[in-house]
Amino acid sequence: MRFHLQLLLIFVSLALIGGDQATASAYQPKTTPEQTNRQSSSGAGVTLSNYTQLKKGMSYAEVVKILGKEGTNTGAKHSLPGTKVAQYLWNGEDGGSMTALFQNNRLISKAQSGLK
């Protein structure tokens, strides 16, 4: 029962962070025009197209490679016996954002808001 409650809390926090653009914009890192052009030319970036490429089971490194940058750990870490759970936030260049939940370094859930 406790395990299910902890998972529910994780998913609720993921939904809240993923749907709150005001909160997400506070974490938006500054990018230079050179970084933006590099992301565009390489195909990497926090875009709806790249978001749809993310599949359950991918490692954090695989997700970073597709998005072209590290995520911001939201501090929503939960450790259960034999299980490490961490949540990351990425902000898109056009104001959208996405969150991803990893269990033992594997993508288990993702959410996005306003990606283009």
C-alpha atoms as a PDB file:
ATOM      1  CA  MET A   1       0.000   0.000   0.000  1.00  0.00           C
ATOM      2  CA  ARG A   2       2.784   2.443   0.926  1.00  0.00           C
ATOM      3  CA  PHE A   3       4.580   1.704  -2.356  1.00  0.00           C
ATOM      4  CA  HIS A   4       1.439   2.569  -4.341  1.00  0.00           C
ATOM      5  CA  LEU A   5       0.969   5.791  -2.391  1.00  0.00           C
ATOM      6  CA  GLN A   6       4.573   6.841  -3.081  1.00  0.00           C
ATOM      7  CA  LEU A   7       4.163   6.135  -6.792  1.00  0.00           C
ATOM      8  CA  LEU A   8       0.932   8.135  -6.825  1.00  0.00           C
ATOM      9  CA  LEU A   9       2.734  11.081  -5.223  1.00  0.00           C
ATOM     10  CA  ILE A  10       5.484  10.861  -7.841  1.00  0.00           C
ATOM     11  CA  PHE A  11       3.013  10.917 -10.728  1.00  0.00           C
ATOM     12  CA  VAL A  12       1.017  13.772  -9.204  1.00  0.00           C
ATOM     13  CA  SER A  13       4.177  15.854  -8.795  1.00  0.00           C
ATOM     14  CA  LEU A  14       5.142  15.046 -12.398  1.00  0.00           C
ATOM     15  CA  ALA A  15       1.748  16.207 -13.640  1.00  0.00           C
ATOM     16  CA  LEU A  16       1.874  19.403 -11.592  1.00  0.00           C
ATOM     17  CA  ILE A  17       5.353  20.372 -12.716  1.00  0.00           C
ATOM     18  CA  GLY A  18       4.692  19.414 -16.335  1.00  0.00           C
ATOM     19  CA  GLY A  19       1.494  21.472 -16.489  1.00  0.00           C
ATOM     20  CA  ASP A  20       2.693  24.592 -14.703  1.00  0.00           C
ATOM     21  CA  GLN A  21       4.413  26.783 -17.267  1.00  0.00           C
ATOM     22  CA  ALA A  22       4.894  29.634 -14.800  1.00  0.00           C
ATOM     23  CA  THR A  23       6.960  27.363 -12.550  1.00  0.00           C
ATOM     24  CA  ALA A  24       8.760  25.802 -15.509  1.00  0.00           C
ATOM     25  CA  SER A  25       9.809  29.164 -16.924  1.00  0.00           C
ATOM     26  CA  ALA A  26      11.565  30.001 -13.655  1.00  0.00           C
ATOM     27  CA  TYR A  27      14.004  27.149 -14.374  1.00  0.00           C
ATOM     28  CA  GLN A  28      14.610  28.068 -18.011  1.00  0.00           C
ATOM     29  CA  PRO A  29      18.337  28.242 -18.676  1.00  0.00           C
ATOM     30  CA  LYS A  30      19.655  31.078 -20.855  1.00  0.00           C
ATOM     31  CA  THR A  31      20.873  29.985 -24.274  1.00  0.00           C
ATOM     32  CA  THR A  32      23.013  31.935 -26.664  1.00  0.00           C
ATOM     33  CA  PRO A  33      22.093  32.284 -30.353  1.00  0.00           C
ATOM     34  CA  GLU A  34      25.037  30.010 -31.136  1.00  0.00           C
ATOM     35  CA  GLN A  35      23.641  27.265 -28.879  1.00  0.00           C
ATOM     36  CA  THR A  36      20.172  27.626 -30.416  1.00  0.00           C
ATOM     37  CA  ASN A  37      21.588  27.406 -33.943  1.00  0.00           C
ATOM     38  CA  ARG A  38      23.707  24.400 -32.971  1.00  0.00           C
ATOM     39  CA  GLN A  39      20.649  22.642 -31.533  1.00  0.00           C
ATOM     40  CA  SER A  40      18.565  23.430 -34.616  1.00  0.00           C
ATOM     41  CA  SER A  41      21.214  22.236 -37.057  1.00  0.00           C
ATOM     42  CA  SER A  42      21.885  19.024 -35.151  1.00  0.00           C
ATOM     43  CA  GLY A  43      18.194  18.200 -34.778  1.00  0.00           C
ATOM     44  CA  ALA A  44      18.526  18.255 -30.997  1.00  0.00           C
ATOM     45  CA  GLY A  45      16.395  20.498 -28.839  1.00  0.00           C
ATOM     46  CA  VAL A  46      13.394  20.439 -26.556  1.00  0.00           C
ATOM     47  CA  THR A  47      10.742  20.264 -29.268  1.00  0.00           C
ATOM     48  CA  LEU A  48       7.507  18.361 -29.715  1.00  0.00           C
ATOM     49  CA  SER A  49       9.149  16.308 -32.459  1.00  0.00           C
ATOM     50  CA  ASN A  50      11.996  15.220 -30.180  1.00  0.00           C
ATOM     51  CA  TYR A  51       9.616  14.690 -27.254  1.00  0.00           C
ATOM     52  CA  THR A  52       7.688  12.133 -29.331  1.00  0.00           C
ATOM     53  CA  GLN A  53      10.954  10.252 -29.995  1.00  0.00           C
ATOM     54  CA  LEU A  54      11.409   9.558 -26.281  1.00  0.00           C
ATOM     55  CA  LYS A  55      10.328   6.008 -25.463  1.00  0.00           C
ATOM     56  CA  LYS A  56       9.848   4.174 -22.188  1.00  0.00           C
ATOM     57  CA  GLY A  57      12.963   2.271 -21.209  1.00  0.00           C
ATOM     58  CA  MET A  58      15.430   4.807 -22.621  1.00  0.00           C
ATOM     59  CA  SER A  59      18.328   5.757 -20.377  1.00  0.00           C
ATOM     60  CA  TYR A  60      18.810   9.315 -19.144  1.00  0.00           C
ATOM     61  CA  ALA A  61      21.859   9.607 -21.452  1.00  0.00           C
ATOM     62  CA  GLU A  62      19.757   8.601 -24.481  1.00  0.00           C
ATOM     63  CA  VAL A  63      17.154  11.239 -23.600  1.00  0.00           C
ATOM     64  CA  VAL A  64      19.869  13.905 -23.191  1.00  0.00           C
ATOM     65  CA  LYS A  65      21.307  12.972 -26.588  1.00  0.00           C
ATOM     66  CA  ILE A  66      17.922  13.483 -28.288  1.00  0.00           C
ATOM     67  CA  LEU A  67      17.150  16.741 -26.452  1.00  0.00           C
ATOM     68  CA  GLY A  68      20.675  18.123 -26.743  1.00  0.00           C
ATOM     69  CA  LYS A  69      21.034  19.220 -23.133  1.00  0.00           C
ATOM     70  CA  GLU A  70      20.903  18.000 -19.550  1.00  0.00           C
ATOM     71  CA  GLY A  71      17.657  18.275 -17.633  1.00  0.00           C
ATOM     72  CA  THR A  72      17.255  20.086 -14.330  1.00  0.00           C
ATOM     73  CA  ASN A  73      16.742  17.643 -11.490  1.00  0.00           C
ATOM     74  CA  THR A  74      13.567  18.847  -9.784  1.00  0.00           C
ATOM     75  CA  GLY A  75      14.602  17.331  -6.490  1.00  0.00           C
ATOM     76  CA  ALA A  76      11.746  14.849  -6.688  1.00  0.00           C
ATOM     77  CA  LYS A  77      13.922  11.870  -5.809  1.00  0.00           C
ATOM     78  CA  HIS A  78      12.334   8.874  -4.244  1.00  0.00           C
ATOM     79  CA  SER A  79      14.201   5.794  -3.183  1.00  0.00           C
ATOM     80  CA  LEU A  80      12.440   2.575  -2.494  1.00  0.00           C
ATOM     81  CA  PRO A  81      14.245  -0.651  -1.670  1.00  0.00           C
ATOM     82  CA  GLY A  82      16.190  -1.487  -4.835  1.00  0.00           C
ATOM     83  CA  THR A  83      14.639   1.409  -6.742  1.00  0.00           C
ATOM     84  CA  LYS A  84      15.934   4.904  -7.481  1.00  0.00           C
ATOM     85  CA  VAL A  85      13.457   7.384  -8.944  1.00  0.00           C
ATOM     86  CA  ALA A  86      14.388  10.866 -10.206  1.00  0.00           C
ATOM     87  CA  GLN A  87      12.467  13.540 -12.106  1.00  0.00           C
ATOM     88  CA  TYR A  88      13.985  16.028 -14.576  1.00  0.00           C
ATOM     89  CA  LEU A  89      12.686  19.189 -16.234  1.00  0.00           C
ATOM     90  CA  TRP A  90      13.632  20.577 -19.653  1.00  0.00           C
ATOM     91  CA  ASN A  91      12.536  23.936 -21.049  1.00  0.00           C
ATOM     92  CA  GLY A  92      12.068  24.504 -24.748  1.00  0.00           C
ATOM     93  CA  GLU A  93      13.322  27.567 -26.551  1.00  0.00           C
ATOM     94  CA  ASP A  94       9.745  28.599 -27.426  1.00  0.00           C
ATOM     95  CA  GLY A  95       8.441  28.600 -23.843  1.00  0.00           C
ATOM     96  CA  GLY A  96       7.201  25.003 -23.622  1.00  0.00           C
ATOM     97  CA  SER A  97       8.541  22.459 -21.175  1.00  0.00           C
ATOM     98  CA  MET A  98       8.681  18.763 -20.470  1.00  0.00           C
ATOM     99  CA  THR A  99       9.321  16.529 -17.512  1.00  0.00           C
ATOM    100  CA  ALA A 100      10.546  12.971 -17.432  1.00  0.00           C
ATOM    101  CA  LEU A 101      10.487  10.435 -14.630  1.00  0.00           C
ATOM    102  CA  PHE A 102      13.267   7.850 -14.459  1.00  0.00           C
ATOM    103  CA  GLN A 103      13.345   4.670 -12.412  1.00  0.00           C
ATOM    104  CA  ASN A 104      16.782   3.074 -12.095  1.00  0.00           C
ATOM    105  CA  ASN A 105      17.992   5.394 -14.898  1.00  0.00           C
ATOM    106  CA  ARG A 106      15.241   4.264 -17.303  1.00  0.00           C
ATOM    107  CA  LEU A 107      12.434   6.491 -18.605  1.00  0.00           C
ATOM    108  CA  ILE A 108       9.086   5.407 -17.136  1.00  0.00           C
ATOM    109  CA  SER A 109       6.924   8.491 -17.724  1.00  0.00           C
ATOM    110  CA  LYS A 110       6.990  11.803 -19.559  1.00  0.00           C
ATOM    111  CA  ALA A 111       4.766  14.880 -19.823  1.00  0.00           C
ATOM    112  CA  GLN A 112       4.946  18.077 -21.865  1.00  0.00           C
ATOM    113  CA  SER A 113       3.266  21.452 -21.964  1.00  0.00           C
ATOM    114  CA  GLY A 114       3.396  23.916 -24.862  1.00  0.00           C
ATOM    115  CA  LEU A 115       6.140  22.305 -26.937  1.00  0.00           C
ATOM    116  CA  LYS A 116       6.133  23.160 -30.636  1.00  0.00           C
END
